[in-house]
Amino acid sequence: MSGNVSALLGLRESATLYPDAADVTRRVQPADPVYLFSPTSLQSRADSFRCAFPGAVSYAVKANPEVRVIDTLAARGIDHFDVASIGEIEAVTLHQPGASLHFNNPVKPFEAIQRSYRRYGVRSFALDEQAEFDKIRKATGNDRDILYSVRFKLDHEGASYDFGSKFGATPDRAATLLRRIAEFGGRPALTFHPGSQCADPQMYARYLEEAARIATAARVEVVQINVGGGFPEYYLNTEAPGLDDYFSVIEEAADSFFRRRPQLMCEPGRAMVASSISLLARIIHVRDDGRSVFLNDGVYGGMQEQSLVDLSLPVKVWRGGRQLEGDTVSCHVFGPTCDPVDRLSREMDLPGHVRTGDYLEFGLLGAYGSATSTAFNGFRPARYLNVASGFRDS
């Protein structure tokens, strides 16, 4: 691949770019599982957020800290990153030293706050109670230039993960925190998260209306509201409006509920990166019944989330560069470990003539795939390859 093409796609000079999954299964024939990364798919999604969201876009690094993801987003103009640990801070600053970092894990070790502030220049922190406010103040030497984002929560349903079960102050306590931040002289802000795979754009309006009430009760003008992530990816069993509907609701609500609209920020993770990466897993065994298929990757590898949440992944079956089609049978799909829970929760319709050596390509695994992989039972996490055409393009 030429240097010009490498630069255009945000890849390093040494990166090999394969045409697509068909080419990988025909020429490379990997014995181990691999992630197929499409930089053009990620660029397109980054452009969708950067150009249409009515504020700043901060990538949630926890979804996928892979360097080629960070580099591609930065090259596309994403210069804010939501980080939750010193490890994520180091991963971003190593490759994008000028990025703006937001340490938005509401509960952080004192040493991590201090180090992020002194060594990495972090000036933005989330919190949801007085003890964390006191901790941040002490760790930063009472620096009044800190952005303090008070995270609040509301009772609601309709998301795959309820973040309110772990984080978030009640509105009354959030107002008290905001007032104390303002009295101290810090920069007061608010943040929330409607939950992963939020299917209703109006949930953001509800949160923004409550944010306005909190600010009014505190008699504080907030400098920023971070609406979190939660934007849905469109799995086979997902029904939700398009991203533009979410962005329109957020903008209209912010204009409606605030006399002067604060700066808005969002922090997409799944919705940013999921569609740009697929997982190519090889069939290592088919039982005699023809309905039990074993792969070289499973829930202890790139599909850990499949054991936690009902997300139906799109799948393609490959043999020697050719996609298999035809009559299907319902199959149980197992991973390679000796653990019985290493099994996909959903049965999968696969061509009835699949055999050992064929490949299953699982789409939409850019988020919480490689980021949550383990080396359990001695199986190594999958490596990355670059492809010009992603799962949805090929």
Foldseek 3Di string as FASTA:
>chain_A
DDPVVCLVLLHDPPADAAAAPLRCCQPVLDPFKAKAFASVVLLVLLCVCVVQFQFAEAAECLFPLPLSSLRSSVSSPRQHYEDAFVVSLCSNCVNPLRGAYANEPQDDDLVGLLCCCPPRVHQHYEHAADVSVVSNCVSNVNDQAHEYAHEADDDDDQAQDDCVVPDHYHLVRSLVVQLVNVVSNHQYHYEYEPHAQRADLCVLLVVLLSVLVSCVSNVHDHQEYEDEERHYDDFVPHDHDDPSVNSVSNVVSQVVRDVDRHGYYYHYYLSSFQQRMKMKWFFAFADPVLAETETQDFLLAQNVCLLRGPGHWDKWKAHNSDTDDDAWDWHWYAYDAPDPSRTGPGTDTDRSPDGGSMIMITGRSRTSGRSNHDCPPNRDHHYYHYHNATPVRD
